[in-house]
Amino acid sequence: MPSKTRMWRWRPFAMHLINPMTRLFAGRMPGFGLLTYRGRTTGRIYHLPINVFQRGEHYIFVLTYGSASQWVKNVLAAGGCEIQVRGRDVRLVQPELIVNPAWELIPWPARFIERMAGVTEFLRMRVA
């Protein structure tokens, strides 16, 4: 069952004001990435600036707005996506939703912020 976090009400603000600005640098900054995925019903290509953390051959996404977000549903349905991190393009596959995550998967400052936001889910994907 998809969930929403305490941050869900801030989503429209982020989509219309924050995302357009961060889209300009997210693919090059540490701790950020520019996720590229295709819409399930529209077929449209989307570019989403997002926090991401690499752990070995996996990339970890903290689901700040929960698994009810359309990008999560689209990536799960497609079985993967692309991401630009630190200026490189990476193909990600095998998306796995993790509920009640092991918080050591992400750096401690992010742990604190995401716990305060009521986040209980991560999405983990493997490099293709």
N, C-alpha and C. Protein backbone atom coordinates (compact mmCIF):
# COMPACT_ATOMS: atom_id res chain seq x y z
N MET A 1 0.85 -1.18 0.00
CA MET A 1 0.00 0.00 0.00
C MET A 1 0.90 1.24 0.00
N PRO A 2 0.78 2.11 -1.01
CA PRO A 2 1.60 3.33 -1.05
C PRO A 2 1.32 4.23 0.16
N SER A 3 2.36 4.87 0.63
CA SER A 3 2.20 5.75 1.79
C SER A 3 2.61 7.17 1.46
N LYS A 4 2.20 8.10 2.32
CA LYS A 4 2.57 9.50 2.22
C LYS A 4 3.21 9.90 3.54
N THR A 5 4.12 10.88 3.50
CA THR A 5 4.80 11.33 4.71
C THR A 5 4.26 12.69 5.13
N ARG A 6 4.80 13.22 6.22
CA ARG A 6 4.43 14.56 6.67
C ARG A 6 4.78 15.63 5.65
N MET A 7 5.73 15.33 4.77
CA MET A 7 6.20 16.29 3.77
C MET A 7 5.25 16.40 2.58
N TRP A 8 4.27 15.51 2.45
CA TRP A 8 3.40 15.45 1.28
C TRP A 8 2.76 16.81 0.96
N ARG A 9 2.37 17.55 1.97
CA ARG A 9 1.69 18.84 1.74
C ARG A 9 2.62 19.88 1.12
N TRP A 10 3.95 19.69 1.23
CA TRP A 10 4.92 20.62 0.64
C TRP A 10 5.27 20.27 -0.80
N ARG A 11 4.78 19.15 -1.29
CA ARG A 11 5.09 18.67 -2.63
C ARG A 11 4.76 19.68 -3.73
N PRO A 12 3.60 20.31 -3.76
CA PRO A 12 3.32 21.29 -4.82
C PRO A 12 4.32 22.45 -4.82
N PHE A 13 4.71 22.92 -3.65
CA PHE A 13 5.69 23.99 -3.53
C PHE A 13 7.02 23.54 -4.14
N ALA A 14 7.45 22.34 -3.80
CA ALA A 14 8.71 21.81 -4.33
C ALA A 14 8.63 21.63 -5.84
N MET A 15 7.54 21.10 -6.34
CA MET A 15 7.39 20.82 -7.77
C MET A 15 7.45 22.10 -8.60
N HIS A 16 6.85 23.16 -8.11
CA HIS A 16 6.73 24.37 -8.93
C HIS A 16 7.81 25.41 -8.67
N LEU A 17 8.43 25.40 -7.51
CA LEU A 17 9.44 26.42 -7.19
C LEU A 17 10.84 25.86 -7.01
N ILE A 18 10.97 24.82 -6.21
CA ILE A 18 12.30 24.30 -5.89
C ILE A 18 12.86 23.43 -7.02
N ASN A 19 12.07 22.49 -7.54
CA ASN A 19 12.58 21.58 -8.57
C ASN A 19 13.10 22.28 -9.82
N PRO A 20 12.42 23.29 -10.36
CA PRO A 20 12.98 23.95 -11.55
C PRO A 20 14.37 24.55 -11.31
N MET A 21 14.62 25.05 -10.12
CA MET A 21 15.94 25.62 -9.82
C MET A 21 16.98 24.52 -9.61
N THR A 22 16.63 23.51 -8.84
CA THR A 22 17.62 22.46 -8.53
C THR A 22 17.90 21.57 -9.74
N ARG A 23 16.97 21.52 -10.69
CA ARG A 23 17.18 20.74 -11.91
C ARG A 23 18.43 21.21 -12.65
N LEU A 24 18.80 22.48 -12.47
CA LEU A 24 19.95 23.07 -13.16
C LEU A 24 21.29 22.50 -12.67
N PHE A 25 21.37 22.05 -11.42
CA PHE A 25 22.65 21.58 -10.88
C PHE A 25 22.61 20.19 -10.24
N ALA A 26 21.45 19.60 -10.10
CA ALA A 26 21.32 18.35 -9.35
C ALA A 26 22.16 17.20 -9.91
N GLY A 27 22.37 17.15 -11.19
CA GLY A 27 23.14 16.06 -11.79
C GLY A 27 24.63 16.16 -11.56
N ARG A 28 25.08 17.25 -10.95
CA ARG A 28 26.52 17.45 -10.74
C ARG A 28 26.92 17.58 -9.28
N MET A 29 25.97 17.79 -8.39
CA MET A 29 26.27 18.03 -6.97
C MET A 29 26.29 16.73 -6.16
N PRO A 30 27.23 16.60 -5.22
CA PRO A 30 27.24 15.42 -4.34
C PRO A 30 25.93 15.34 -3.53
N GLY A 31 25.41 14.13 -3.41
CA GLY A 31 24.18 13.92 -2.64
C GLY A 31 22.91 14.16 -3.45
N PHE A 32 23.07 14.62 -4.69
CA PHE A 32 21.93 14.87 -5.56
C PHE A 32 22.08 14.11 -6.87
N GLY A 33 20.99 13.95 -7.56
CA GLY A 33 20.99 13.35 -8.88
C GLY A 33 19.83 13.90 -9.68
N LEU A 34 19.90 13.73 -10.99
CA LEU A 34 18.80 14.11 -11.86
C LEU A 34 18.23 12.82 -12.44
N LEU A 35 17.10 12.40 -11.90
CA LEU A 35 16.45 11.14 -12.26
C LEU A 35 15.65 11.34 -13.53
N THR A 36 15.81 10.44 -14.49
CA THR A 36 15.05 10.50 -15.74
C THR A 36 14.21 9.23 -15.84
N TYR A 37 12.91 9.41 -16.04
CA TYR A 37 12.00 8.26 -16.13
C TYR A 37 10.87 8.60 -17.08
N ARG A 38 10.14 7.57 -17.50
CA ARG A 38 9.03 7.72 -18.44
C ARG A 38 7.71 7.51 -17.70
N GLY A 39 6.73 8.36 -17.99
CA GLY A 39 5.40 8.23 -17.40
C GLY A 39 4.71 6.96 -17.87
N ARG A 40 4.01 6.30 -16.98
CA ARG A 40 3.33 5.04 -17.29
C ARG A 40 2.22 5.21 -18.31
N THR A 41 1.44 6.25 -18.17
CA THR A 41 0.28 6.42 -19.05
C THR A 41 0.53 7.42 -20.17
N THR A 42 1.31 8.45 -19.91
CA THR A 42 1.55 9.48 -20.92
C THR A 42 2.71 9.15 -21.84
N GLY A 43 3.67 8.36 -21.35
CA GLY A 43 4.87 8.08 -22.13
C GLY A 43 5.85 9.24 -22.13
N ARG A 44 5.50 10.30 -21.44
CA ARG A 44 6.33 11.50 -21.38
C ARG A 44 7.60 11.23 -20.55
N ILE A 45 8.70 11.88 -20.93
CA ILE A 45 9.96 11.78 -20.20
C ILE A 45 9.99 12.88 -19.15
N TYR A 46 10.34 12.51 -17.92
CA TYR A 46 10.42 13.45 -16.80
C TYR A 46 11.85 13.49 -16.26
N HIS A 47 12.25 14.65 -15.75
CA HIS A 47 13.56 14.84 -15.12
C HIS A 47 13.32 15.39 -13.72
N LEU A 48 13.68 14.60 -12.71
CA LEU A 48 13.39 14.95 -11.33
C LEU A 48 14.68 15.12 -10.54
N PRO A 49 14.93 16.33 -10.00
CA PRO A 49 16.08 16.49 -9.10
C PRO A 49 15.75 15.78 -7.78
N ILE A 50 16.73 15.04 -7.27
CA ILE A 50 16.44 14.19 -6.12
C ILE A 50 17.70 13.94 -5.29
N ASN A 51 17.51 13.74 -3.99
CA ASN A 51 18.62 13.30 -3.14
C ASN A 51 18.84 11.82 -3.38
N VAL A 52 20.10 11.45 -3.51
CA VAL A 52 20.45 10.05 -3.75
C VAL A 52 21.79 9.76 -3.10
N PHE A 53 21.92 8.53 -2.61
CA PHE A 53 23.15 8.12 -1.94
C PHE A 53 23.60 6.80 -2.53
N GLN A 54 24.87 6.72 -2.91
CA GLN A 54 25.41 5.49 -3.48
C GLN A 54 26.01 4.63 -2.38
N ARG A 55 25.67 3.35 -2.41
CA ARG A 55 26.22 2.36 -1.49
C ARG A 55 26.64 1.16 -2.33
N GLY A 56 27.92 1.08 -2.65
CA GLY A 56 28.41 0.00 -3.50
C GLY A 56 27.80 0.10 -4.88
N GLU A 57 27.20 -0.99 -5.35
CA GLU A 57 26.57 -0.99 -6.67
C GLU A 57 25.10 -0.56 -6.63
N HIS A 58 24.65 -0.09 -5.48
CA HIS A 58 23.26 0.35 -5.32
C HIS A 58 23.17 1.86 -5.11
N TYR A 59 22.06 2.41 -5.54
CA TYR A 59 21.71 3.80 -5.25
C TYR A 59 20.48 3.78 -4.35
N ILE A 60 20.51 4.59 -3.31
CA ILE A 60 19.44 4.64 -2.32
C ILE A 60 18.72 5.98 -2.43
N PHE A 61 17.41 5.93 -2.58
CA PHE A 61 16.57 7.13 -2.64
C PHE A 61 15.69 7.15 -1.40
N VAL A 62 15.75 8.21 -0.64
CA VAL A 62 14.89 8.38 0.52
C VAL A 62 13.57 8.93 -0.02
N LEU A 63 12.48 8.24 0.24
CA LEU A 63 11.18 8.64 -0.32
C LEU A 63 10.55 9.70 0.58
N THR A 64 11.01 10.93 0.41
CA THR A 64 10.59 12.06 1.23
C THR A 64 9.08 12.25 1.21
N TYR A 65 8.45 12.00 0.08
CA TYR A 65 7.00 12.15 -0.03
C TYR A 65 6.28 10.81 0.05
N GLY A 66 7.00 9.72 0.23
CA GLY A 66 6.40 8.40 0.34
C GLY A 66 6.30 7.69 -1.00
N SER A 67 5.89 6.44 -0.96
CA SER A 67 5.78 5.63 -2.17
C SER A 67 4.54 5.95 -2.99
N ALA A 68 3.70 6.87 -2.53
CA ALA A 68 2.53 7.29 -3.31
C ALA A 68 2.90 8.27 -4.42
N SER A 69 4.16 8.72 -4.46
CA SER A 69 4.61 9.64 -5.50
C SER A 69 4.57 8.96 -6.86
N GLN A 70 4.17 9.72 -7.88
CA GLN A 70 4.07 9.16 -9.22
C GLN A 70 5.41 8.66 -9.76
N TRP A 71 6.50 9.37 -9.45
CA TRP A 71 7.79 8.92 -9.99
C TRP A 71 8.15 7.54 -9.45
N VAL A 72 7.80 7.24 -8.21
CA VAL A 72 8.09 5.93 -7.62
C VAL A 72 7.28 4.87 -8.35
N LYS A 73 6.00 5.13 -8.56
CA LYS A 73 5.14 4.18 -9.27
C LYS A 73 5.65 3.93 -10.69
N ASN A 74 6.08 5.00 -11.36
CA ASN A 74 6.59 4.88 -12.73
C ASN A 74 7.87 4.05 -12.79
N VAL A 75 8.79 4.31 -11.89
CA VAL A 75 10.07 3.57 -11.87
C VAL A 75 9.83 2.10 -11.53
N LEU A 76 8.97 1.83 -10.56
CA LEU A 76 8.66 0.44 -10.22
C LEU A 76 8.02 -0.29 -11.41
N ALA A 77 7.09 0.37 -12.10
CA ALA A 77 6.42 -0.25 -13.24
C ALA A 77 7.39 -0.51 -14.40
N ALA A 78 8.33 0.42 -14.61
CA ALA A 78 9.28 0.28 -15.71
C ALA A 78 10.43 -0.67 -15.38
N GLY A 79 10.66 -0.91 -14.10
CA GLY A 79 11.77 -1.78 -13.71
C GLY A 79 13.12 -1.09 -13.70
N GLY A 80 13.11 0.25 -13.77
CA GLY A 80 14.37 0.98 -13.72
C GLY A 80 14.22 2.39 -14.25
N CYS A 81 15.36 3.07 -14.36
CA CYS A 81 15.39 4.45 -14.83
C CYS A 81 16.85 4.83 -15.11
N GLU A 82 17.07 6.06 -15.46
CA GLU A 82 18.42 6.60 -15.60
C GLU A 82 18.59 7.71 -14.58
N ILE A 83 19.83 7.94 -14.20
CA ILE A 83 20.13 9.04 -13.29
C ILE A 83 21.46 9.64 -13.69
N GLN A 84 21.54 10.95 -13.59
CA GLN A 84 22.81 11.64 -13.78
C GLN A 84 23.31 12.01 -12.39
N VAL A 85 24.49 11.51 -12.04
CA VAL A 85 25.11 11.81 -10.75
C VAL A 85 26.55 12.24 -11.00
N ARG A 86 26.90 13.37 -10.37
CA ARG A 86 28.25 13.92 -10.50
C ARG A 86 28.71 13.99 -11.96
N GLY A 87 27.75 14.34 -12.84
CA GLY A 87 28.06 14.53 -14.26
C GLY A 87 28.07 13.27 -15.10
N ARG A 88 27.83 12.09 -14.51
CA ARG A 88 27.80 10.86 -15.29
C ARG A 88 26.39 10.29 -15.35
N ASP A 89 26.08 9.66 -16.48
CA ASP A 89 24.79 9.01 -16.66
C ASP A 89 24.90 7.55 -16.25
N VAL A 90 23.95 7.09 -15.45
CA VAL A 90 23.95 5.73 -14.93
C VAL A 90 22.57 5.13 -15.15
N ARG A 91 22.52 3.91 -15.66
CA ARG A 91 21.27 3.17 -15.81
C ARG A 91 21.05 2.35 -14.54
N LEU A 92 19.87 2.47 -13.94
CA LEU A 92 19.52 1.76 -12.72
C LEU A 92 18.41 0.76 -13.00
N VAL A 93 18.51 -0.41 -12.39
CA VAL A 93 17.52 -1.48 -12.59
C VAL A 93 17.14 -2.09 -11.25
N GLN A 94 16.18 -2.99 -11.29
CA GLN A 94 15.71 -3.74 -10.12
C GLN A 94 15.32 -2.84 -8.95
N PRO A 95 14.36 -1.94 -9.17
CA PRO A 95 13.92 -1.10 -8.04
C PRO A 95 13.28 -1.95 -6.95
N GLU A 96 13.66 -1.65 -5.73
CA GLU A 96 13.16 -2.39 -4.58
C GLU A 96 12.71 -1.40 -3.52
N LEU A 97 11.44 -1.49 -3.14
CA LEU A 97 10.89 -0.64 -2.09
C LEU A 97 11.25 -1.24 -0.74
N ILE A 98 11.87 -0.44 0.12
CA ILE A 98 12.27 -0.88 1.45
C ILE A 98 11.45 -0.12 2.47
N VAL A 99 10.68 -0.84 3.28
CA VAL A 99 9.85 -0.23 4.31
C VAL A 99 10.55 -0.40 5.65
N ASN A 100 10.45 0.64 6.50
CA ASN A 100 11.14 0.67 7.79
C ASN A 100 12.63 0.37 7.58
N PRO A 101 13.29 1.28 6.90
CA PRO A 101 14.67 1.04 6.44
C PRO A 101 15.70 0.98 7.55
N ALA A 102 16.81 0.36 7.19
CA ALA A 102 18.00 0.39 8.05
C ALA A 102 18.63 1.76 7.79
N TRP A 103 18.55 2.65 8.73
CA TRP A 103 18.94 4.04 8.51
C TRP A 103 20.42 4.20 8.23
N GLU A 104 21.23 3.19 8.51
CA GLU A 104 22.65 3.34 8.23
C GLU A 104 22.96 3.36 6.74
N LEU A 105 21.97 3.14 5.89
CA LEU A 105 22.16 3.21 4.44
C LEU A 105 22.42 4.64 3.96
N ILE A 106 22.07 5.63 4.77
CA ILE A 106 22.26 7.03 4.35
C ILE A 106 23.10 7.77 5.39
N PRO A 107 23.73 8.88 4.98
CA PRO A 107 24.56 9.66 5.92
C PRO A 107 23.74 10.21 7.09
N TRP A 108 24.41 10.41 8.24
CA TRP A 108 23.69 10.81 9.45
C TRP A 108 22.91 12.12 9.34
N PRO A 109 23.39 13.18 8.63
CA PRO A 109 22.55 14.39 8.57
C PRO A 109 21.21 14.12 7.89
N ALA A 110 21.24 13.31 6.84
CA ALA A 110 20.00 12.96 6.13
C ALA A 110 19.10 12.10 7.01
N ARG A 111 19.68 11.24 7.82
CA ARG A 111 18.88 10.40 8.73
C ARG A 111 18.02 11.27 9.64
N PHE A 112 18.64 12.26 10.22
CA PHE A 112 17.95 13.14 11.16
C PHE A 112 16.78 13.86 10.47
N ILE A 113 17.06 14.46 9.32
CA ILE A 113 16.04 15.23 8.59
C ILE A 113 14.89 14.33 8.17
N GLU A 114 15.21 13.18 7.60
CA GLU A 114 14.16 12.30 7.08
C GLU A 114 13.34 11.65 8.20
N ARG A 115 13.96 11.38 9.31
CA ARG A 115 13.18 10.84 10.44
C ARG A 115 12.19 11.88 10.96
N MET A 116 12.64 13.13 11.01
CA MET A 116 11.75 14.22 11.44
C MET A 116 10.57 14.38 10.48
N ALA A 117 10.81 14.10 9.21
CA ALA A 117 9.76 14.22 8.19
C ALA A 117 8.80 13.03 8.20
N GLY A 118 9.09 12.02 9.01
CA GLY A 118 8.22 10.85 9.08
C GLY A 118 8.43 9.86 7.95
N VAL A 119 9.60 9.87 7.34
CA VAL A 119 9.89 8.96 6.23
C VAL A 119 10.07 7.54 6.76
N THR A 120 9.42 6.59 6.11
CA THR A 120 9.55 5.18 6.50
C THR A 120 9.90 4.28 5.32
N GLU A 121 10.21 4.88 4.15
CA GLU A 121 10.47 4.08 2.96
C GLU A 121 11.68 4.60 2.18
N PHE A 122 12.41 3.67 1.60
CA PHE A 122 13.50 3.96 0.67
C PHE A 122 13.19 3.21 -0.63
N LEU A 123 13.84 3.65 -1.69
CA LEU A 123 13.85 2.88 -2.94
C LEU A 123 15.31 2.60 -3.24
N ARG A 124 15.63 1.32 -3.45
CA ARG A 124 17.01 0.93 -3.75
C ARG A 124 17.03 0.36 -5.16
N MET A 125 18.04 0.79 -5.94
CA MET A 125 18.21 0.26 -7.29
C MET A 125 19.67 -0.07 -7.52
N ARG A 126 19.88 -1.05 -8.37
CA ARG A 126 21.21 -1.54 -8.70
C ARG A 126 21.67 -0.94 -10.03
N VAL A 127 22.98 -0.70 -10.14
CA VAL A 127 23.55 -0.23 -11.39
C VAL A 127 23.45 -1.36 -12.40
N ALA A 128 22.97 -1.04 -13.63
CA ALA A 128 22.82 -2.05 -14.69
C ALA A 128 24.17 -2.52 -15.18
